[in-house]
C-alpha atoms as a PDB file:
ATOM      1  CA  ASP A   1      80.125  87.218 124.986  1.00  0.00           C
ATOM      2  CA  GLY A   2      79.413  86.114 121.473  1.00  0.00           C
ATOM      3  CA  TYR A   3      80.454  89.826 120.034  1.00  0.00           C
ATOM      4  CA  THR A   4      82.875  90.532 116.785  1.00  0.00           C
ATOM      5  CA  MET A   5      83.876  93.772 116.119  1.00  0.00           C
ATOM      6  CA  MET A   6      85.973  94.140 112.951  1.00  0.00           C
ATOM      7  CA  VAL A   7      87.150  97.772 111.498  1.00  0.00           C
ATOM      8  CA  ASP A   8      88.580  96.990 107.973  1.00  0.00           C
ATOM      9  CA  ALA A   9      89.672 100.497 105.460  1.00  0.00           C
ATOM     10  CA  SER A  10      88.237  98.609 102.614  1.00  0.00           C
ATOM     11  CA  SER A  11      88.699  94.897 101.230  1.00  0.00           C
ATOM     12  CA  TYR A  12      84.535  94.518 103.225  1.00  0.00           C
ATOM     13  CA  ALA A  13      83.891  96.702 100.863  1.00  0.00           C
ATOM     14  CA  VAL A  14      85.702  95.739  97.600  1.00  0.00           C
ATOM     15  CA  ASN A  15      87.111  91.641  98.309  1.00  0.00           C
ATOM     16  CA  PRO A  16      83.357  90.885  97.104  1.00  0.00           C
ATOM     17  CA  SER A  17      84.396  92.564  93.831  1.00  0.00           C
ATOM     18  CA  LEU A  18      88.098  91.190  93.483  1.00  0.00           C
ATOM     19  CA  TYR A  19      86.367  87.634  94.830  1.00  0.00           C
ATOM     20  CA  PRO A  20      83.352  85.668  93.682  1.00  0.00           C
ATOM     21  CA  ARG A  21      83.044  82.293  96.378  1.00  0.00           C
ATOM     22  CA  LEU A  22      83.107  84.452  99.747  1.00  0.00           C
ATOM     23  CA  PRO A  23      83.229  81.893 101.994  1.00  0.00           C
ATOM     24  CA  TYR A  24      80.253  83.810 103.909  1.00  0.00           C
ATOM     25  CA  ASP A  25      77.791  86.821 102.770  1.00  0.00           C
ATOM     26  CA  PRO A  26      78.796  90.020 102.610  1.00  0.00           C
ATOM     27  CA  ASP A  27      75.247  91.756 103.444  1.00  0.00           C
ATOM     28  CA  LYS A  28      74.674  88.848 105.845  1.00  0.00           C
ATOM     29  CA  ALA A  29      76.888  88.215 108.193  1.00  0.00           C
ATOM     30  CA  PHE A  30      78.095  92.071 109.041  1.00  0.00           C
ATOM     31  CA  ARG A  31      75.668  94.759 110.219  1.00  0.00           C
ATOM     32  CA  PRO A  32      77.836  98.462 109.510  1.00  0.00           C
ATOM     33  CA  VAL A  33      78.512 100.357 112.949  1.00  0.00           C
ATOM     34  CA  GLY A  34      79.912 103.671 112.103  1.00  0.00           C
ATOM     35  CA  VAL A  35      82.720 104.974 110.283  1.00  0.00           C
ATOM     36  CA  LEU A  36      85.884 106.045 112.415  1.00  0.00           C
ATOM     37  CA  ALA A  37      87.776 107.720 109.884  1.00  0.00           C
ATOM     38  CA  ARG A  38      87.851 109.339 106.153  1.00  0.00           C
ATOM     39  CA  TYR A  39      91.383 109.503 104.742  1.00  0.00           C
ATOM     40  CA  PRO A  40      91.960 111.023 101.401  1.00  0.00           C
ATOM     41  CA  ASN A  41      94.962 109.664  99.112  1.00  0.00           C
ATOM     42  CA  VAL A  42      98.005 111.258  98.579  1.00  0.00           C
ATOM     43  CA  LEU A  43     100.546 110.894  95.085  1.00  0.00           C
ATOM     44  CA  VAL A  44     103.859 111.657  96.166  1.00  0.00           C
ATOM     45  CA  ALA A  45     107.953 110.246  94.877  1.00  0.00           C
ATOM     46  CA  THR A  46     110.962 109.588  95.662  1.00  0.00           C
ATOM     47  CA  ALA A  47     112.447 112.951  95.033  1.00  0.00           C
ATOM     48  CA  GLY A  48     115.236 111.668  93.017  1.00  0.00           C
ATOM     49  CA  PHE A  49     111.992 111.319  90.928  1.00  0.00           C
ATOM     50  CA  PRO A  50     111.692 113.564  87.638  1.00  0.00           C
ATOM     51  CA  ALA A  51     108.047 114.935  86.910  1.00  0.00           C
ATOM     52  CA  SER A  52     107.172 117.441  89.888  1.00  0.00           C
ATOM     53  CA  ASN A  53     103.560 116.926  89.556  1.00  0.00           C
ATOM     54  CA  VAL A  54     100.506 114.934  88.250  1.00  0.00           C
ATOM     55  CA  SER A  55     100.693 116.466  84.346  1.00  0.00           C
ATOM     56  CA  ASP A  56     104.268 115.935  84.650  1.00  0.00           C
ATOM     57  CA  VAL A  57     104.107 112.345  86.115  1.00  0.00           C
ATOM     58  CA  LEU A  58     100.886 111.665  82.695  1.00  0.00           C
ATOM     59  CA  ALA A  59     103.987 112.744  80.143  1.00  0.00           C
ATOM     60  CA  MET A  60     106.584 110.685  81.622  1.00  0.00           C
ATOM     61  CA  ALA A  61     104.189 107.201  81.001  1.00  0.00           C
ATOM     62  CA  ARG A  62     102.857 108.619  77.913  1.00  0.00           C
ATOM     63  CA  GLN A  63     106.444 108.689  76.167  1.00  0.00           C
ATOM     64  CA  LYS A  64     107.521 105.661  77.569  1.00  0.00           C
ATOM     65  CA  PRO A  65     105.658 103.296  78.436  1.00  0.00           C
ATOM     66  CA  GLY A  66     105.205 100.870  81.246  1.00  0.00           C
ATOM     67  CA  SER A  67     108.484 102.935  82.978  1.00  0.00           C
ATOM     68  CA  VAL A  68     105.956 104.268  85.919  1.00  0.00           C
ATOM     69  CA  ALA A  69     105.260 102.071  88.506  1.00  0.00           C
ATOM     70  CA  PHE A  70     103.502 102.652  91.923  1.00  0.00           C
ATOM     71  CA  ALA A  71     102.934 100.838  95.208  1.00  0.00           C
ATOM     72  CA  SER A  72     100.028 100.091  97.418  1.00  0.00           C
ATOM     73  CA  SER A  73      99.318  98.754 100.899  1.00  0.00           C
ATOM     74  CA  GLY A  74      98.283  95.492  99.323  1.00  0.00           C
ATOM     75  CA  ASN A  75      96.392  94.079  96.742  1.00  0.00           C
ATOM     76  CA  GLY A  76      92.983  95.374  96.492  1.00  0.00           C
ATOM     77  CA  SER A  77      93.702  98.183  99.017  1.00  0.00           C
ATOM     78  CA  ALA A  78      91.018 101.792  98.189  1.00  0.00           C
ATOM     79  CA  GLN A  79      95.570 102.648  97.474  1.00  0.00           C
ATOM     80  CA  HIS A  80      95.897 100.188  94.718  1.00  0.00           C
ATOM     81  CA  LEU A  81      93.045 100.787  93.517  1.00  0.00           C
ATOM     82  CA  ALA A  82      93.216 103.924  93.254  1.00  0.00           C
ATOM     83  CA  GLY A  83      96.446 103.487  91.428  1.00  0.00           C
ATOM     84  CA  VAL A  84      94.899 101.405  89.159  1.00  0.00           C
ATOM     85  CA  LEU A  85      92.169 103.566  88.360  1.00  0.00           C
ATOM     86  CA  PHE A  86      95.037 105.949  87.542  1.00  0.00           C
ATOM     87  CA  GLU A  87      96.604 104.033  85.099  1.00  0.00           C
ATOM     88  CA  GLN A  88      93.375 103.259  83.533  1.00  0.00           C
ATOM     89  CA  ARG A  89      92.249 106.483  82.992  1.00  0.00           C
END
């Protein structure tokens, strides 16, 4: 019928900040219809990780800069941006 629906977690809102020349105008190309879900970000680590809480992670990162890394579901994802924000702060 000529209509397309898109389900997106965060990249649509983030892409204009990451990519200055998108092939579409994000303000005109799509119209929001509704929110399907909201979900929190959770910080987890393998059972063998020496830190057992956020304070311990911060102490480790300060004592040994560059020794703590994180993974996310992909560049520009909510998890990636939350990890970068955590690292910056």
